[in-house]
Amino acid sequence: MNAQSDKNLKKSYTLSRRELMLGTGSALLASALSPGCSFPWGGSKSRTLTSGYIPILDSVPLIVAYERNMFEEVGVNAEKPTLIRAWPALMEAFTSRQILLTHILLPQVIFLKYAQDVAVRSVAFNHTNVVAMLLSKSVRSFKDLGGKTVGCPTWWAPHTGIFQDVLIEAGLKPVVGKSEKELARDEVAFRVVPPPDMTEGLKSGSLAGCTVSEPFGAAAEILAGATLAKMSGDVWPNHPCCQSVMLQETIDEDRSWAQAVTIALYRAALWAKNNRGALAEMLGKDGGGYFPMPVKVVKRALMNQDISEYGPKGTGAIMHPDWNVKRVDFNPYPYASAFDITINMMKRMVVDKSAALPERLQTLSGEEIAKTIVDYDLAQ
């Protein structure tokens, strides 16, 4: 991308420093996050927290909160989080209340609320950045994706929107529903591929590129020889992706219990931010076993963002080293401008007709959406 295009792309994702720094939280939350703090809440001791996750770094807070007994510390009985390998199955388990807590992509949360009338509430941002945009060994640059097929994890993902914006800036047109034989030279076909299948798709050549959450990006680098061509934080600095969510019904049944769950998640996110090596050991299949890839792959995703490899003289994944953004970071505090940026991105995204936005979302502002979706009393 040239300098002007890069400037235009950045403009679409600008957020104020004030919004970003709202992560300081309230005095109550700061006090509650102290490990030695005792809690006046905790809810019913007989109620058990069930949760589920996709094996991506978006799920870290709910895993850490369980694994490090943070739920127990705030008086919440919790089962071990259940591994679920695809977004549709996770959404079904959540909306049917087979699991009471999960992580869901921010655009998915909006779509659930306004297109499917699910009373979903967000209580935390699970992380920031984390999205990788990759090219197969046969592709040298984004411009070379013209006439080829790429994968995205689901239609309503920040991944899909950010990747499409990057391709548009490279002079390409994202399309849906075309085979490669039907594609014009400047068109790129998007199709949904479950995250665990991305690496094999790049390796086999069925995908020329993809966008996926870490550590599947690191796995594709190591196992498929793929090129990490762009980190999402280099497009939208410190953006949220997955939210920790509960249904309104779950919260209403015992609000003090929901508050305790939320506090544990915030503790977990802040622990993850400062303990990356230990986190990789916890998650990897040869460590704690939560993810299907080894510790070394998880560690690469969490800790490897070497400018010589990924900077302007490397793959170009990081073209703004002065932004000092992490490949993956953790900041649980919601900020409203993220919803404004997200809904504007959703309005310009190309998706399958089955996932089209309802008309009422065309006129809603991000501020209105945030007020409806985020439970600020729990997330303060």
Protein backbone atom coordinates (compact mmCIF):
# COMPACT_ATOMS: atom_id res chain seq x y z
CA MET A 1 0.00 0.00 0.00
CA ASN A 2 1.21 3.52 -0.72
CA ALA A 3 1.48 6.20 1.98
CA GLN A 4 -1.83 7.91 1.09
CA SER A 5 -3.75 4.62 1.06
CA ASP A 6 -2.24 3.68 4.39
CA LYS A 7 -3.30 7.05 5.81
CA ASN A 8 -6.86 6.58 4.52
CA LEU A 9 -7.08 3.09 6.02
CA LYS A 10 -5.86 4.28 9.40
CA LYS A 11 -8.49 7.05 9.37
CA SER A 12 -11.26 4.43 9.31
CA TYR A 13 -10.01 2.95 12.57
CA THR A 14 -9.08 6.05 14.57
CA LEU A 15 -10.06 6.16 18.23
CA SER A 16 -9.26 8.82 20.77
CA ARG A 17 -6.57 8.41 23.37
CA ARG A 18 -9.20 9.23 25.99
CA GLU A 19 -11.31 6.27 24.86
CA LEU A 20 -8.33 3.94 24.94
CA MET A 21 -7.23 5.11 28.36
CA LEU A 22 -10.65 4.48 29.88
CA GLY A 23 -8.97 1.19 30.75
CA THR A 24 -8.01 2.72 34.10
CA GLY A 25 -11.43 1.61 35.40
CA SER A 26 -13.19 2.81 38.52
CA ALA A 27 -11.73 2.89 42.02
CA LEU A 28 -14.03 0.01 42.97
CA LEU A 29 -12.77 -2.21 40.18
CA ALA A 30 -9.13 -1.30 40.77
CA SER A 31 -9.54 -2.31 44.40
CA ALA A 32 -11.43 -5.47 43.53
CA LEU A 33 -8.70 -6.62 41.17
CA SER A 34 -6.18 -6.74 43.98
CA PRO A 35 -5.41 -10.42 44.71
CA GLY A 36 -5.79 -9.87 48.45
CA CYS A 37 -9.21 -8.29 48.19
CA SER A 38 -12.20 -9.94 49.86
CA PHE A 39 -15.52 -9.80 48.05
CA PRO A 40 -18.96 -8.89 49.43
CA TRP A 41 -20.52 -10.81 46.54
CA GLY A 42 -20.23 -14.23 44.98
CA GLY A 43 -23.85 -15.19 44.61
CA SER A 44 -25.28 -18.63 45.10
CA LYS A 45 -22.69 -21.24 46.07
CA SER A 46 -24.89 -23.89 44.48
CA ARG A 47 -24.82 -22.29 41.04
CA THR A 48 -22.15 -23.64 38.71
CA LEU A 49 -20.53 -21.62 35.93
CA THR A 50 -20.30 -23.46 32.63
CA SER A 51 -18.28 -22.01 29.77
CA GLY A 52 -17.05 -22.86 26.29
CA TYR A 53 -14.33 -21.60 24.01
CA ILE A 54 -12.78 -21.75 20.55
CA PRO A 55 -9.04 -22.60 20.87
CA ILE A 56 -7.85 -19.07 20.04
CA LEU A 57 -6.24 -16.43 22.23
CA ASP A 58 -9.57 -14.56 22.32
CA SER A 59 -10.62 -17.11 24.97
CA VAL A 60 -7.74 -16.49 27.37
CA PRO A 61 -9.54 -14.74 30.30
CA LEU A 62 -12.13 -17.46 30.87
CA ILE A 63 -9.43 -20.19 30.73
CA VAL A 64 -7.04 -18.32 33.03
CA ALA A 65 -9.80 -17.48 35.50
CA TYR A 66 -10.61 -21.18 35.79
CA GLU A 67 -7.06 -22.54 35.69
CA ARG A 68 -5.71 -20.12 38.32
CA ASN A 69 -8.73 -20.53 40.63
CA MET A 70 -9.83 -16.92 40.17
CA PHE A 71 -13.48 -17.94 39.96
CA GLU A 72 -13.10 -19.87 43.17
CA GLU A 73 -11.46 -16.86 44.86
CA VAL A 74 -14.57 -14.75 44.25
CA GLY A 75 -17.00 -17.45 45.40
CA VAL A 76 -18.01 -18.89 42.02
CA ASN A 77 -18.16 -22.64 41.42
CA ALA A 78 -16.93 -23.28 37.88
CA GLU A 79 -16.54 -26.29 35.61
CA LYS A 80 -13.51 -26.57 33.33
CA PRO A 81 -14.18 -24.65 30.08
CA THR A 82 -15.36 -26.86 27.22
CA LEU A 83 -13.41 -26.86 23.94
CA ILE A 84 -15.68 -26.15 20.96
CA ARG A 85 -14.07 -26.13 17.50
CA ALA A 86 -16.40 -23.98 15.37
CA TRP A 87 -18.31 -20.74 15.83
CA PRO A 88 -21.79 -22.07 14.95
CA ALA A 89 -21.54 -24.78 17.62
CA LEU A 90 -20.29 -22.27 20.19
CA MET A 91 -23.15 -19.88 19.44
CA GLU A 92 -25.70 -22.67 19.71
CA ALA A 93 -24.30 -23.83 23.05
CA PHE A 94 -24.42 -20.26 24.37
CA THR A 95 -27.87 -19.21 23.15
CA SER A 96 -29.39 -22.50 24.39
CA ARG A 97 -27.69 -21.98 27.79
CA GLN A 98 -25.69 -25.19 27.66
CA ILE A 99 -22.89 -22.80 28.62
CA LEU A 100 -23.46 -19.61 30.63
CA LEU A 101 -20.27 -17.76 29.68
CA THR A 102 -18.27 -17.57 26.48
CA HIS A 103 -16.28 -15.26 24.22
CA ILE A 104 -17.93 -13.91 21.07
CA LEU A 105 -16.56 -11.66 18.32
CA LEU A 106 -17.72 -8.05 18.63
CA PRO A 107 -19.58 -7.95 15.27
CA GLN A 108 -21.18 -11.30 16.16
CA VAL A 109 -22.45 -9.82 19.42
CA ILE A 110 -24.05 -6.96 17.50
CA PHE A 111 -25.57 -9.36 14.96
CA LEU A 112 -26.91 -11.63 17.72
CA LYS A 113 -28.57 -8.70 19.44
CA TYR A 114 -30.08 -6.89 16.47
CA ALA A 115 -30.57 -9.57 13.82
CA GLN A 116 -31.51 -12.53 16.01
CA ASP A 117 -32.98 -10.69 19.02
CA VAL A 118 -30.78 -12.54 21.52
CA ALA A 119 -30.54 -10.67 24.83
CA VAL A 120 -26.75 -10.85 25.00
CA ARG A 121 -24.65 -8.63 27.29
CA SER A 122 -20.94 -7.91 27.11
CA VAL A 123 -19.05 -7.53 30.37
CA ALA A 124 -15.43 -7.36 29.19
CA PHE A 125 -13.14 -7.02 26.19
CA ASN A 126 -11.12 -10.23 26.27
CA HIS A 127 -8.04 -8.89 24.49
CA THR A 128 -6.77 -6.44 21.90
CA ASN A 129 -5.35 -7.05 18.40
CA VAL A 130 -4.71 -10.86 17.89
CA VAL A 131 -5.85 -11.07 14.24
CA ALA A 132 -3.34 -12.35 11.67
CA MET A 133 -3.60 -11.89 7.89
CA LEU A 134 -1.59 -14.54 6.07
CA LEU A 135 -0.49 -15.45 2.56
CA SER A 136 0.29 -18.95 1.30
CA LYS A 137 3.76 -19.80 0.03
CA SER A 138 2.63 -19.27 -3.57
CA VAL A 139 1.53 -15.65 -2.95
CA ARG A 140 4.02 -12.81 -2.63
CA SER A 141 1.80 -9.83 -1.74
CA PHE A 142 -1.80 -8.82 -1.10
CA LYS A 143 -2.10 -7.64 -4.71
CA ASP A 144 -1.34 -11.19 -5.86
CA LEU A 145 -4.57 -12.42 -4.22
CA GLY A 146 -6.58 -11.18 -7.21
CA GLY A 147 -8.51 -14.07 -8.79
CA LYS A 148 -7.96 -16.28 -5.72
CA THR A 149 -9.82 -17.55 -2.65
CA VAL A 150 -9.19 -16.56 0.96
CA GLY A 151 -10.65 -17.78 4.24
CA CYS A 152 -12.27 -15.95 7.14
CA PRO A 153 -13.48 -17.50 10.42
CA THR A 154 -17.07 -16.24 10.15
CA TRP A 155 -18.83 -13.42 8.30
CA TRP A 156 -19.26 -11.15 11.28
CA ALA A 157 -15.69 -11.03 12.55
CA PRO A 158 -13.35 -8.04 12.86
CA HIS A 159 -10.95 -10.29 10.93
CA THR A 160 -13.18 -10.27 7.86
CA GLY A 161 -13.78 -6.52 7.85
CA ILE A 162 -10.18 -5.50 8.49
CA PHE A 163 -8.87 -7.94 5.85
CA GLN A 164 -11.37 -6.66 3.29
CA ASP A 165 -10.33 -3.07 3.98
CA VAL A 166 -6.66 -4.01 3.53
CA LEU A 167 -7.45 -5.70 0.21
CA ILE A 168 -9.53 -2.75 -1.02
CA GLU A 169 -6.60 -0.44 -0.26
CA ALA A 170 -4.47 -2.80 -2.38
CA GLY A 171 -6.86 -2.26 -5.33
CA LEU A 172 -8.87 -5.49 -4.97
CA LYS A 173 -12.59 -6.24 -4.64
CA PRO A 174 -13.82 -8.71 -1.98
CA VAL A 175 -16.68 -10.89 -3.30
CA VAL A 176 -18.80 -13.74 -1.95
CA GLY A 177 -20.37 -16.69 -3.74
CA LYS A 178 -18.06 -16.95 -6.75
CA SER A 179 -15.81 -19.84 -7.72
CA GLU A 180 -12.25 -19.07 -8.77
CA LYS A 181 -13.20 -19.70 -12.41
CA GLU A 182 -15.75 -16.88 -12.17
CA LEU A 183 -13.43 -14.33 -10.54
CA ALA A 184 -12.14 -11.26 -12.33
CA ARG A 185 -8.43 -10.54 -11.96
CA ASP A 186 -9.09 -7.91 -9.30
CA GLU A 187 -11.63 -9.94 -7.30
CA VAL A 188 -10.92 -11.98 -4.15
CA ALA A 189 -13.41 -14.66 -3.08
CA PHE A 190 -14.12 -14.90 0.64
CA ARG A 191 -15.40 -18.09 2.23
CA VAL A 192 -15.89 -19.15 5.85
CA VAL A 193 -13.35 -21.68 7.12
CA PRO A 194 -13.18 -22.92 10.76
CA PRO A 195 -9.96 -21.64 12.41
CA PRO A 196 -8.52 -25.15 12.94
CA ASP A 197 -8.74 -25.76 9.16
CA MET A 198 -6.93 -22.59 8.09
CA THR A 199 -3.40 -23.99 8.27
CA GLU A 200 -4.23 -27.04 6.16
CA GLY A 201 -6.01 -24.83 3.63
CA LEU A 202 -2.91 -22.68 3.19
CA LYS A 203 -0.68 -25.75 3.04
CA SER A 204 -2.80 -27.61 0.47
CA GLY A 205 -3.35 -24.55 -1.71
CA SER A 206 -7.13 -24.48 -1.33
CA LEU A 207 -6.63 -21.05 0.26
CA ALA A 208 -4.29 -18.40 -1.12
CA GLY A 209 -4.64 -16.39 2.07
CA CYS A 210 -6.66 -16.13 5.24
CA THR A 211 -7.41 -14.05 8.29
CA VAL A 212 -7.53 -15.82 11.63
CA SER A 213 -6.97 -15.32 15.33
CA GLU A 214 -3.71 -16.26 16.96
CA PRO A 215 -2.21 -18.73 17.63
CA PHE A 216 -3.50 -20.14 14.33
CA GLY A 217 -1.49 -17.42 12.58
CA ALA A 218 1.71 -18.64 14.24
CA ALA A 219 0.74 -22.24 13.45
CA ALA A 220 0.33 -21.37 9.77
CA GLU A 221 3.76 -19.75 9.72
CA ILE A 222 5.44 -22.82 11.20
CA LEU A 223 3.40 -25.66 9.71
CA ALA A 224 2.39 -24.26 6.32
CA GLY A 225 5.25 -21.89 5.56
CA ALA A 226 2.73 -19.05 5.35
CA THR A 227 3.72 -15.40 5.48
CA LEU A 228 2.27 -13.22 8.23
CA ALA A 229 1.67 -10.21 5.99
CA LYS A 230 -0.29 -7.97 8.38
CA MET A 231 -1.06 -7.82 12.08
CA SER A 232 -4.45 -6.26 12.76
CA GLY A 233 -3.07 -3.87 15.38
CA ASP A 234 -1.05 -2.27 12.58
CA VAL A 235 -4.38 -1.34 10.92
CA TRP A 236 -6.63 -0.62 13.91
CA PRO A 237 -4.35 0.00 16.92
CA ASN A 238 -5.32 -1.84 20.12
CA HIS A 239 -8.71 -2.91 18.80
CA PRO A 240 -10.97 -5.32 20.69
CA CYS A 241 -12.16 -8.52 19.07
CA CYS A 242 -13.90 -11.03 21.35
CA GLN A 243 -16.08 -10.05 24.29
CA SER A 244 -16.87 -12.02 27.42
CA VAL A 245 -20.64 -12.40 27.25
CA MET A 246 -23.57 -13.69 29.26
CA LEU A 247 -27.27 -13.69 28.49
CA GLN A 248 -29.40 -11.09 30.25
CA GLU A 249 -31.39 -13.95 31.76
CA THR A 250 -28.24 -15.40 33.31
CA ILE A 251 -27.29 -12.05 34.82
CA ASP A 252 -30.79 -11.35 36.14
CA GLU A 253 -31.02 -14.69 37.93
CA ASP A 254 -28.19 -13.67 40.27
CA ARG A 255 -26.56 -10.31 39.64
CA SER A 256 -24.05 -10.61 42.46
CA TRP A 257 -22.87 -13.92 40.97
CA ALA A 258 -22.50 -12.26 37.55
CA GLN A 259 -20.49 -9.45 39.17
CA ALA A 260 -18.13 -11.97 40.73
CA VAL A 261 -17.68 -13.74 37.38
CA THR A 262 -16.84 -10.40 35.77
CA ILE A 263 -14.26 -9.49 38.41
CA ALA A 264 -12.54 -12.87 37.94
CA LEU A 265 -12.36 -12.28 34.16
CA TYR A 266 -10.74 -8.87 34.64
CA ARG A 267 -8.18 -10.34 37.01
CA ALA A 268 -7.45 -13.07 34.49
CA ALA A 269 -6.92 -10.65 31.60
CA LEU A 270 -4.48 -8.54 33.59
CA TRP A 271 -2.59 -11.68 34.71
CA ALA A 272 -2.33 -12.83 31.08
CA LYS A 273 -0.92 -9.46 30.03
CA ASN A 274 1.97 -9.80 32.44
CA ASN A 275 2.67 -13.56 32.32
CA ARG A 276 2.99 -14.51 28.65
CA GLY A 277 5.45 -17.37 29.03
CA ALA A 278 3.38 -19.02 31.74
CA LEU A 279 0.24 -18.42 29.68
CA ALA A 280 1.75 -20.25 26.69
CA GLU A 281 2.61 -23.20 28.93
CA MET A 282 -0.94 -23.25 30.25
CA LEU A 283 -2.52 -23.29 26.78
CA GLY A 284 -0.27 -25.47 24.59
CA LYS A 285 -1.12 -29.12 23.93
CA ASP A 286 2.19 -30.22 25.50
CA GLY A 287 1.45 -28.00 28.49
CA GLY A 288 -2.00 -27.44 29.98
CA GLY A 289 -3.64 -28.84 26.84
CA TYR A 290 -6.31 -26.22 26.15
CA PHE A 291 -5.16 -25.62 22.56
CA PRO A 292 -4.36 -28.14 19.79
CA MET A 293 -0.98 -26.56 18.99
CA PRO A 294 2.27 -26.91 21.00
CA VAL A 295 3.58 -24.42 23.52
CA LYS A 296 6.22 -23.10 21.10
CA VAL A 297 3.52 -22.04 18.63
CA VAL A 298 1.44 -20.31 21.32
CA LYS A 299 4.56 -18.59 22.62
CA ARG A 300 5.39 -17.34 19.13
CA ALA A 301 1.96 -15.74 18.86
CA LEU A 302 2.20 -14.15 22.30
CA MET A 303 5.80 -13.00 22.22
CA ASN A 304 7.25 -12.82 18.68
CA GLN A 305 6.89 -9.49 16.88
CA ASP A 306 10.47 -8.90 15.85
CA ILE A 307 10.72 -5.79 13.66
CA SER A 308 13.51 -7.32 11.58
CA GLU A 309 11.15 -10.16 10.64
CA TYR A 310 7.80 -8.36 10.49
CA GLY A 311 8.69 -4.70 9.95
CA PRO A 312 8.96 -2.60 6.77
CA LYS A 313 12.08 -4.50 5.68
CA GLY A 314 10.51 -7.85 6.54
CA THR A 315 7.00 -9.12 5.76
CA GLY A 316 5.40 -5.69 6.28
CA ALA A 317 3.09 -7.00 9.00
CA ILE A 318 4.20 -4.04 11.15
CA MET A 319 4.51 -0.83 9.16
CA HIS A 320 4.02 1.45 12.19
CA PRO A 321 6.56 0.38 14.83
CA ASP A 322 6.10 3.77 16.51
CA TRP A 323 2.56 2.72 17.50
CA ASN A 324 4.09 0.18 19.90
CA VAL A 325 1.14 -2.18 19.60
CA LYS A 326 1.44 -5.83 20.58
CA ARG A 327 0.70 -8.75 18.27
CA VAL A 328 -1.60 -9.87 21.08
CA ASP A 329 -2.47 -7.90 24.20
CA PHE A 330 -5.01 -7.96 27.01
CA ASN A 331 -7.12 -5.03 28.19
CA PRO A 332 -10.57 -5.96 29.55
CA TYR A 333 -12.04 -2.47 29.89
CA PRO A 334 -14.76 -1.68 27.30
CA TYR A 335 -14.59 1.60 25.40
CA ALA A 336 -17.59 2.86 23.44
CA SER A 337 -15.79 4.07 20.30
CA ALA A 338 -14.99 0.44 19.43
CA PHE A 339 -18.68 -0.11 18.72
CA ASP A 340 -18.84 2.93 16.45
CA ILE A 341 -15.82 1.76 14.45
CA THR A 342 -17.20 -1.77 14.31
CA ILE A 343 -20.70 -0.91 13.08
CA ASN A 344 -19.28 1.37 10.39
CA MET A 345 -17.02 -1.48 9.29
CA MET A 346 -19.96 -3.90 9.26
CA LYS A 347 -21.94 -1.57 6.98
CA ARG A 348 -19.24 -1.71 4.31
CA MET A 349 -18.34 -5.41 4.64
CA VAL A 350 -19.14 -7.93 1.90
CA VAL A 351 -20.84 -10.97 3.42
CA ASP A 352 -23.11 -13.82 2.38
CA LYS A 353 -26.77 -12.83 1.89
CA SER A 354 -27.77 -15.13 4.74
CA ALA A 355 -25.85 -12.89 7.12
CA ALA A 356 -27.10 -9.53 5.81
CA LEU A 357 -27.52 -6.71 8.31
CA PRO A 358 -31.07 -5.89 9.39
CA GLU A 359 -32.29 -2.50 8.24
CA ARG A 360 -32.51 -1.06 11.74
CA LEU A 361 -28.74 -1.41 12.16
CA GLN A 362 -28.15 0.96 9.26
CA THR A 363 -29.28 3.92 11.37
CA LEU A 364 -28.01 2.98 14.85
CA SER A 365 -24.88 4.66 16.18
CA GLY A 366 -22.09 2.83 17.92
CA GLU A 367 -22.87 4.76 21.10
CA GLU A 368 -26.46 3.48 21.10
CA ILE A 369 -25.29 -0.07 20.44
CA ALA A 370 -22.71 0.07 23.24
CA LYS A 371 -25.32 1.27 25.76
CA THR A 372 -27.57 -1.66 24.84
CA ILE A 373 -24.93 -4.38 24.74
CA VAL A 374 -22.36 -3.54 27.43
CA ASP A 375 -23.47 -4.03 31.03
CA TYR A 376 -21.53 -1.08 32.39
CA ASP A 377 -22.63 -1.76 35.98
CA LEU A 378 -20.78 -5.07 35.86
CA ALA A 379 -17.92 -3.80 33.70
CA GLN A 380 -17.22 -0.53 35.54
